[in-house]
Protein backbone atom coordinates (compact mmCIF):
# COMPACT_ATOMS: atom_id res chain seq x y z
CA UNK A 1 -20.50 -43.99 -3.67
CA UNK A 2 -17.13 -43.19 -2.10
CA UNK A 3 -15.21 -40.00 -2.79
CA UNK A 4 -11.72 -39.72 -4.31
CA UNK A 5 -8.99 -41.67 -2.57
CA UNK A 6 -7.07 -39.51 -0.11
CA UNK A 7 -3.26 -39.55 0.13
CA UNK A 8 -2.01 -41.96 2.77
CA UNK A 9 -0.19 -39.21 4.69
CA UNK A 10 -3.45 -37.26 5.08
CA UNK A 11 -5.25 -40.37 6.36
CA UNK A 12 -2.40 -40.98 8.84
CA UNK A 13 -2.49 -37.37 10.03
CA UNK A 14 -6.21 -37.61 10.76
CA UNK A 15 -5.75 -40.94 12.53
CA UNK A 16 -2.88 -39.60 14.62
CA UNK A 17 -4.87 -36.64 15.93
CA UNK A 18 -7.91 -38.79 16.63
CA UNK A 19 -5.61 -40.95 18.76
CA UNK A 20 -4.19 -37.85 20.48
CA UNK A 21 -7.73 -36.64 21.23
CA UNK A 22 -8.59 -39.99 22.85
CA UNK A 23 -5.34 -40.24 24.84
CA UNK A 24 -3.22 -37.15 25.54
CA UNK A 25 -6.14 -34.69 25.40
CA UNK A 26 -8.65 -36.59 27.56
CA UNK A 27 -10.01 -34.27 30.26
CA UNK A 28 -8.30 -31.15 28.90
CA UNK A 29 -10.79 -28.30 29.42
CA UNK A 30 -10.04 -26.41 26.19
CA UNK A 31 -11.60 -29.17 24.06
CA UNK A 32 -14.74 -28.11 22.19
CA UNK A 33 -17.17 -31.06 22.46
CA UNK A 34 -19.06 -29.91 19.34
CA UNK A 35 -16.03 -30.68 17.15
CA UNK A 36 -14.05 -33.69 16.00
CA UNK A 37 -10.82 -34.31 14.10
CA UNK A 38 -11.12 -33.79 10.36
CA UNK A 39 -8.65 -33.10 7.54
CA UNK A 40 -10.26 -30.64 5.11
CA UNK A 41 -9.60 -29.92 1.42
CA UNK A 42 -6.03 -31.24 1.15
CA UNK A 43 -4.55 -30.53 -2.28
CA UNK A 44 -1.15 -31.03 -3.96
CA UNK A 45 0.91 -27.83 -3.70
CA UNK A 46 4.59 -27.47 -4.69
CA UNK A 47 5.37 -31.08 -3.83
CA UNK A 48 3.37 -31.05 -0.58
CA UNK A 49 -0.12 -31.98 0.52
CA UNK A 50 -1.67 -28.70 1.76
CA UNK A 51 -4.89 -28.47 3.73
CA UNK A 52 -6.56 -27.58 7.02
CA UNK A 53 -6.67 -29.83 10.07
CA UNK A 54 -9.61 -29.31 12.43
CA UNK A 55 -9.44 -30.69 15.97
CA UNK A 56 -11.50 -29.86 19.08
CA UNK A 57 -8.58 -27.73 20.33
CA UNK A 58 -7.09 -26.07 17.23
CA UNK A 59 -7.40 -25.39 13.51
CA UNK A 60 -4.13 -25.32 11.55
CA UNK A 61 -2.94 -25.07 8.00
CA UNK A 62 -0.83 -28.19 7.42
CA UNK A 63 1.89 -29.04 4.92
CA UNK A 64 2.67 -32.75 4.62
CA UNK A 65 5.63 -34.09 2.69
CA UNK A 66 9.11 -32.82 1.99
CA UNK A 67 11.07 -31.05 -0.74
CA UNK A 68 14.75 -30.54 -1.45
CA UNK A 69 14.34 -26.84 -0.68
CA UNK A 70 12.94 -27.30 2.83
CA UNK A 71 14.48 -30.72 3.63
CA UNK A 72 12.66 -31.44 6.90
CA UNK A 73 15.25 -34.12 7.72
CA UNK A 74 17.71 -31.25 8.29
CA UNK A 75 15.29 -29.16 10.34
CA UNK A 76 14.64 -29.24 14.06
CA UNK A 77 11.11 -29.31 15.50
CA UNK A 78 10.22 -25.70 16.28
CA UNK A 79 12.09 -24.20 13.33
CA UNK A 80 10.19 -21.70 11.18
CA UNK A 81 9.68 -21.90 7.44
CA UNK A 82 7.94 -19.10 5.55
CA UNK A 83 5.89 -19.97 2.47
CA UNK A 84 4.57 -17.50 -0.10
CA UNK A 85 0.98 -18.05 -1.18
CA UNK A 86 -0.98 -15.81 -3.56
CA UNK A 87 -2.68 -14.23 -0.51
CA UNK A 88 0.60 -13.49 1.28
CA UNK A 89 3.38 -14.89 3.44
CA UNK A 90 2.58 -17.56 6.02
CA UNK A 91 4.94 -18.76 8.72
CA UNK A 92 4.89 -22.49 9.47
CA UNK A 93 6.50 -24.36 12.34
CA UNK A 94 8.21 -27.72 11.88
CA UNK A 95 6.38 -30.19 14.12
CA UNK A 96 7.10 -33.85 14.75
CA UNK A 97 5.29 -37.01 15.78
CA UNK A 98 6.97 -40.35 14.98
CA UNK A 99 3.53 -41.97 14.68
CA UNK A 100 3.12 -40.29 11.29
CA UNK A 101 5.74 -42.73 9.96
CA UNK A 102 6.91 -40.57 7.06
CA UNK A 103 9.66 -37.94 6.74
CA UNK A 104 10.79 -38.82 10.29
CA UNK A 105 7.30 -37.91 11.48
CA UNK A 106 7.82 -34.25 10.58
CA UNK A 107 5.32 -31.89 9.04
CA UNK A 108 4.66 -28.13 8.95
CA UNK A 109 1.83 -26.37 10.76
CA UNK A 110 0.52 -22.80 10.73
CA UNK A 111 -1.86 -21.85 13.54
CA UNK A 112 -5.23 -20.41 12.53
CA UNK A 113 -7.47 -20.79 15.61
CA UNK A 114 -6.86 -22.00 19.16
CA UNK A 115 -8.85 -22.65 21.25
CA UNK A 116 -11.90 -23.60 19.17
CA UNK A 117 -14.71 -22.27 21.37
CA UNK A 118 -15.88 -19.74 18.72
CA UNK A 119 -17.17 -22.69 16.65
CA UNK A 120 -20.53 -24.08 17.75
CA UNK A 121 -20.64 -26.87 15.16
CA UNK A 122 -18.41 -29.04 12.98
CA UNK A 123 -20.23 -27.66 9.95
CA UNK A 124 -19.12 -24.10 10.80
CA UNK A 125 -15.53 -25.22 11.38
CA UNK A 126 -15.46 -27.09 8.05
CA UNK A 127 -17.01 -24.14 6.19
CA UNK A 128 -14.37 -21.84 7.71
CA UNK A 129 -11.57 -24.23 6.71
CA UNK A 130 -12.92 -24.39 3.16
CA UNK A 131 -13.11 -20.59 2.91
CA UNK A 132 -9.53 -20.33 4.20
CA UNK A 133 -8.31 -22.79 1.56
CA UNK A 134 -10.12 -20.84 -1.18
CA UNK A 135 -8.91 -17.48 0.07
CA UNK A 136 -5.33 -18.67 0.51
CA UNK A 137 -4.91 -18.87 -3.25
CA UNK A 138 -6.45 -15.48 -4.07
CA UNK A 139 -4.00 -12.65 -4.65
CA UNK A 140 -6.72 -10.11 -3.83
CA UNK A 141 -6.51 -11.27 -0.20
CA UNK A 142 -2.80 -10.50 0.03
CA UNK A 143 -1.61 -9.13 3.36
CA UNK A 144 1.86 -8.14 4.52
CA UNK A 145 1.26 -9.48 8.01
CA UNK A 146 2.55 -13.01 8.44
CA UNK A 147 0.38 -15.56 10.24
CA UNK A 148 2.15 -16.58 13.44
CA UNK A 149 2.19 -20.14 14.73
CA UNK A 150 4.37 -20.14 17.85
CA UNK A 151 1.67 -21.98 19.84
CA UNK A 152 2.18 -25.15 17.82
CA UNK A 153 5.87 -25.45 18.62
CA UNK A 154 5.23 -24.66 22.29
CA UNK A 155 2.64 -27.42 22.50
CA UNK A 156 4.91 -30.04 20.94
CA UNK A 157 8.05 -28.86 22.76
CA UNK A 158 6.28 -28.92 26.11
CA UNK A 159 6.89 -25.23 26.67
CA UNK A 160 10.66 -25.45 26.09
CA UNK A 161 12.59 -22.69 24.35
CA UNK A 162 11.87 -22.55 20.65
CA UNK A 163 14.47 -22.67 17.95
CA UNK A 164 14.85 -19.16 16.54
CA UNK A 165 17.46 -19.69 13.84
CA UNK A 166 16.83 -16.80 11.48
CA UNK A 167 18.42 -18.75 8.63
CA UNK A 168 15.20 -20.77 8.40
CA UNK A 169 13.27 -17.67 7.40
CA UNK A 170 13.69 -17.21 3.66
CA UNK A 171 11.64 -13.99 3.62
CA UNK A 172 11.92 -11.03 6.05
CA UNK A 173 8.99 -11.15 8.44
CA UNK A 174 6.87 -8.34 9.78
CA UNK A 175 5.76 -8.81 13.37
CA UNK A 176 1.99 -9.23 13.64
CA UNK A 177 -0.47 -9.42 16.52
CA UNK A 178 -0.42 -12.52 18.71
CA UNK A 179 -2.96 -15.28 18.13
CA UNK A 180 -4.78 -14.43 21.35
CA UNK A 181 -5.03 -10.77 20.30
CA UNK A 182 -6.42 -11.77 16.91
CA UNK A 183 -9.01 -14.07 18.45
CA UNK A 184 -10.30 -11.26 20.68
CA UNK A 185 -11.13 -9.22 17.57
CA UNK A 186 -14.19 -10.15 15.44
CA UNK A 187 -13.24 -11.71 12.10
CA UNK A 188 -13.64 -9.69 8.94
CA UNK A 189 -14.41 -11.50 5.69
CA UNK A 190 -10.87 -10.71 4.52
CA UNK A 191 -9.38 -12.28 7.65
CA UNK A 192 -11.53 -15.36 7.23
CA UNK A 193 -10.26 -15.79 3.67
CA UNK A 194 -6.62 -15.21 4.60
CA UNK A 195 -6.50 -17.38 7.69
CA UNK A 196 -6.10 -14.43 10.08
CA UNK A 197 -2.95 -13.42 8.24
């Protein structure tokens, strides 16, 4: 018996990153061989599809789709958009890959983990993604520190300068620790629920 039909944009996202794993990422040492590409727990949220994308080299919160408020067609790859969830503010980066074939190939990504060596199985990665999705919507997990996702834009821009137009930030941001600093610190249950926010 098959599960519920997934939105086409989620299926395309998963297919795109499987292709990237088998082409652009071949031989890259940061890949975790215990993991594979999987889109986890995508749900409708404010006109988007929201969920977690697991790959052997990162885990990101992803927003697929577009709204009049954010209008990705008017945004440049690398621009920042801050979204308010019950658990707090999360900073997403506009990313682009024409192979997605919708909204000019643009989507929003918020970095959670990279690299993925802390995960010794796909089951652990999926369980973590599911806990993050549950915790994201709980006000009791609220934190004033915004999750940073600069690494995503750097990866897709090839290390070029990032767009830093402050007009794209609808909410004042508080500087938080870098992703590498967060990964060096053991996760608390609160951090697991809030996506290291």
